[in-house]
Amino acid sequence: MTTVLVDCDGVLADLVGPWLDVLDEVHGIRASYDEVTDFEFGRCVCTPEQAEAVWAHIDATPGWGLRLPALPHVAAGLRHLRSWANRVVCVTSPHVSGSWVVDRYRWLFQRGFHRRDIVLASDKSLVAGDALIDDKVDNLREWVKAWPYGEAVTIEHPYNREWTEAAEGDLLTASMYLQAVFEGR
């Protein structure tokens, strides 16, 4: 049985674009996606205090998480994964505030996930699978230590490019992984 684990933010959903929209709305700071070069957005496009205010605004906005757009090719990518994997499970780290968790479930339901295929886990190394697709290289490194026969697959973004390049050889990119899967590796 093949189980593929996928993260949500940065793999399925675009969190960065809508977050930057709120930064502009709350603080009048216009930043581009390419300027977000760190997972802690406040380190690169605003102060930590301004980032906290953005999250407070998000937390006070019911349904905000439901409005996150899917990243390009998510529908096709999930369809391909589901065509050969026995199970595709979303393993997502919860933002436990406001309506976030309910929004996350609903967002995933809209993309064909069932309740049994959604795991909320800040530590993804606790979840077994044959592959983990995640945009956070630290998550992938910890996961592959726990599951050494699994495939660690990254999605490249400006905020993880440095880590992705440093881990080259240890990780597969999503395109490399899908190519290997469809060639029958």
Protein backbone atom coordinates (compact mmCIF):
# COMPACT_ATOMS: atom_id res chain seq x y z
CA MET A 1 0.00 0.00 0.00
CA THR A 2 1.46 3.37 -1.05
CA THR A 3 0.68 6.37 1.14
CA VAL A 4 1.74 9.83 0.02
CA LEU A 5 1.64 12.60 2.62
CA VAL A 6 1.23 16.18 1.43
CA ASP A 7 1.51 19.41 3.35
CA CYS A 8 -1.12 22.08 2.70
CA ASP A 9 0.35 25.60 2.84
CA GLY A 10 3.00 26.02 0.17
CA VAL A 11 2.20 22.65 -1.41
CA LEU A 12 -1.55 22.76 -2.05
CA ALA A 13 -2.56 26.26 -0.91
CA ASP A 14 -1.03 29.68 -1.51
CA LEU A 15 -0.70 31.23 1.94
CA VAL A 16 1.94 33.80 0.98
CA GLY A 17 -0.08 35.85 -1.54
CA PRO A 18 -3.13 36.35 0.70
CA TRP A 19 -0.88 37.00 3.72
CA LEU A 20 0.89 39.74 1.76
CA ASP A 21 -2.51 41.21 0.84
CA VAL A 22 -3.35 41.48 4.55
CA LEU A 23 0.07 43.04 5.24
CA ASP A 24 -0.76 45.72 2.67
CA GLU A 25 -4.28 46.20 4.04
CA VAL A 26 -3.20 46.46 7.69
CA HIS A 27 0.15 48.24 7.37
CA GLY A 28 0.28 49.67 3.85
CA ILE A 29 3.35 47.56 3.10
CA ARG A 30 3.40 46.21 -0.42
CA ALA A 31 5.76 43.27 -0.77
CA SER A 32 6.16 40.79 -3.58
CA TYR A 33 6.13 37.01 -3.35
CA ASP A 34 9.83 36.95 -4.29
CA GLU A 35 10.65 39.13 -1.27
CA VAL A 36 9.38 36.44 1.09
CA THR A 37 12.70 34.66 1.56
CA ASP A 38 12.09 33.16 5.01
CA PHE A 39 9.35 31.03 6.58
CA GLU A 40 9.03 33.72 9.25
CA PHE A 41 7.61 36.43 7.00
CA GLY A 42 8.33 39.14 9.60
CA ARG A 43 12.04 38.56 9.11
CA CYS A 44 12.03 39.67 5.49
CA VAL A 45 9.06 41.91 4.62
CA CYS A 46 8.03 43.52 7.92
CA THR A 47 8.80 43.60 11.61
CA PRO A 48 7.79 40.74 13.91
CA GLU A 49 5.24 43.09 15.53
CA GLN A 50 3.69 43.88 12.16
CA ALA A 51 3.59 40.16 11.32
CA GLU A 52 1.78 39.53 14.64
CA ALA A 53 -0.78 42.19 13.72
CA VAL A 54 -1.31 40.49 10.33
CA TRP A 55 -1.95 37.16 12.04
CA ALA A 56 -4.31 38.85 14.53
CA HIS A 57 -6.27 40.32 11.60
CA ILE A 58 -6.39 36.90 9.92
CA ASP A 59 -7.54 35.27 13.17
CA ALA A 60 -10.32 37.86 13.51
CA THR A 61 -11.57 37.21 9.96
CA PRO A 62 -13.91 34.20 9.87
CA GLY A 63 -13.46 32.12 6.74
CA TRP A 64 -10.12 33.67 5.79
CA GLY A 65 -8.51 30.25 5.38
CA LEU A 66 -11.28 29.13 3.03
CA ARG A 67 -10.33 31.88 0.60
CA LEU A 68 -6.76 30.67 0.10
CA PRO A 69 -6.24 29.91 -3.58
CA ALA A 70 -4.92 26.53 -4.63
CA LEU A 71 -1.44 26.68 -6.11
CA PRO A 72 -1.23 26.09 -9.87
CA HIS A 73 -1.62 22.48 -10.98
CA VAL A 74 -2.92 21.27 -7.59
CA ALA A 75 -6.04 19.67 -9.05
CA ALA A 76 -4.04 17.83 -11.71
CA GLY A 77 -1.29 16.89 -9.24
CA LEU A 78 -3.76 15.42 -6.75
CA ARG A 79 -5.53 13.56 -9.55
CA HIS A 80 -2.20 12.02 -10.64
CA LEU A 81 -1.19 11.11 -7.10
CA ARG A 82 -4.58 9.55 -6.41
CA SER A 83 -4.35 7.54 -9.66
CA TRP A 84 -1.42 5.47 -8.42
CA ALA A 85 -1.12 5.91 -4.64
CA ASN A 86 -3.43 3.87 -2.43
CA ARG A 87 -3.83 6.87 -0.19
CA VAL A 88 -3.05 10.60 -0.31
CA VAL A 89 -3.13 12.17 3.15
CA CYS A 90 -2.81 15.86 3.97
CA VAL A 91 -0.56 16.38 7.00
CA THR A 92 -0.84 20.01 7.98
CA SER A 93 0.45 21.99 10.93
CA PRO A 94 -2.50 23.79 12.47
CA HIS A 95 -2.70 27.48 13.19
CA VAL A 96 -4.83 27.10 16.30
CA SER A 97 -6.71 30.37 16.37
CA GLY A 98 -9.86 31.88 14.95
CA SER A 99 -11.66 29.65 12.47
CA TRP A 100 -8.43 28.29 10.99
CA VAL A 101 -8.87 24.58 11.72
CA VAL A 102 -12.49 24.48 10.52
CA ASP A 103 -11.51 26.49 7.43
CA ARG A 104 -8.63 24.10 6.74
CA TYR A 105 -10.88 21.05 6.88
CA ARG A 106 -13.44 22.68 4.58
CA TRP A 107 -10.74 23.81 2.16
CA LEU A 108 -9.40 20.26 1.96
CA PHE A 109 -12.89 18.74 1.64
CA GLN A 110 -13.38 20.98 -1.42
CA ARG A 111 -10.31 19.34 -2.96
CA GLY A 112 -11.45 15.77 -2.43
CA PHE A 113 -9.92 14.95 0.93
CA HIS A 114 -12.00 13.02 3.43
CA ARG A 115 -11.80 13.47 7.18
CA ARG A 116 -9.77 10.24 7.53
CA ASP A 117 -7.20 11.68 5.08
CA ILE A 118 -6.45 14.83 7.08
CA VAL A 119 -3.93 14.83 9.92
CA LEU A 120 -3.18 17.91 12.02
CA ALA A 121 0.40 17.58 13.22
CA SER A 122 3.02 20.18 14.04
CA ASP A 123 5.59 17.35 14.07
CA LYS A 124 5.15 15.56 10.76
CA SER A 125 7.78 12.97 11.65
CA LEU A 126 5.09 11.30 13.77
CA VAL A 127 3.14 10.34 10.63
CA ALA A 128 4.14 7.28 8.58
CA GLY A 129 4.06 7.26 4.81
CA ASP A 130 6.00 6.32 1.70
CA ALA A 131 6.62 9.94 0.76
CA LEU A 132 6.17 13.39 2.28
CA ILE A 133 5.75 16.39 0.00
CA ASP A 134 6.44 19.58 1.97
CA ASP A 135 7.85 23.04 1.36
CA LYS A 136 9.71 23.18 4.67
CA VAL A 137 13.04 21.40 4.36
CA ASP A 138 13.41 21.01 8.15
CA ASN A 139 10.14 19.04 8.21
CA LEU A 140 11.45 16.79 5.45
CA ARG A 141 14.77 16.19 7.18
CA GLU A 142 13.07 15.23 10.45
CA TRP A 143 10.52 13.07 8.67
CA VAL A 144 13.12 11.11 6.70
CA LYS A 145 15.08 10.45 9.93
CA ALA A 146 11.95 8.83 11.35
CA TRP A 147 11.00 7.08 8.08
CA PRO A 148 14.35 6.39 6.31
CA TYR A 149 12.80 4.35 3.51
CA GLY A 150 10.44 7.17 2.58
CA GLU A 151 10.95 9.78 -0.12
CA ALA A 152 11.32 13.41 1.02
CA VAL A 153 9.97 15.69 -1.70
CA THR A 154 10.17 19.47 -1.69
CA ILE A 155 8.27 22.20 -3.50
CA GLU A 156 10.55 25.10 -4.35
CA HIS A 157 9.61 28.64 -3.33
CA PRO A 158 11.63 31.84 -2.76
CA TYR A 159 11.33 31.32 1.02
CA ASN A 160 12.93 27.86 0.93
CA ARG A 161 15.25 28.16 -2.06
CA GLU A 162 18.40 28.46 0.05
CA TRP A 163 17.49 25.39 2.13
CA THR A 164 16.41 23.43 -0.93
CA GLU A 165 19.73 24.12 -2.65
CA ALA A 166 21.67 23.19 0.53
CA ALA A 167 19.79 19.88 0.74
CA GLU A 168 20.33 19.02 -2.93
CA GLY A 169 20.93 15.30 -3.25
CA ASP A 170 19.07 14.57 -0.01
CA LEU A 171 15.68 15.62 -1.36
CA LEU A 172 13.71 15.22 -4.53
CA THR A 173 11.85 18.10 -6.08
CA ALA A 174 8.18 17.46 -6.83
CA SER A 175 8.84 17.26 -10.57
CA MET A 176 11.65 14.70 -10.05
CA TYR A 177 9.38 12.62 -7.81
CA LEU A 178 6.43 12.61 -10.20
CA GLN A 179 8.72 11.76 -13.11
CA ALA A 180 10.15 8.78 -11.17
CA VAL A 181 6.66 7.62 -10.21
CA PHE A 182 5.35 7.72 -13.75
CA GLU A 183 8.45 6.00 -15.13
CA GLY A 184 7.78 3.17 -12.71
CA ARG A 185 10.80 3.64 -10.46
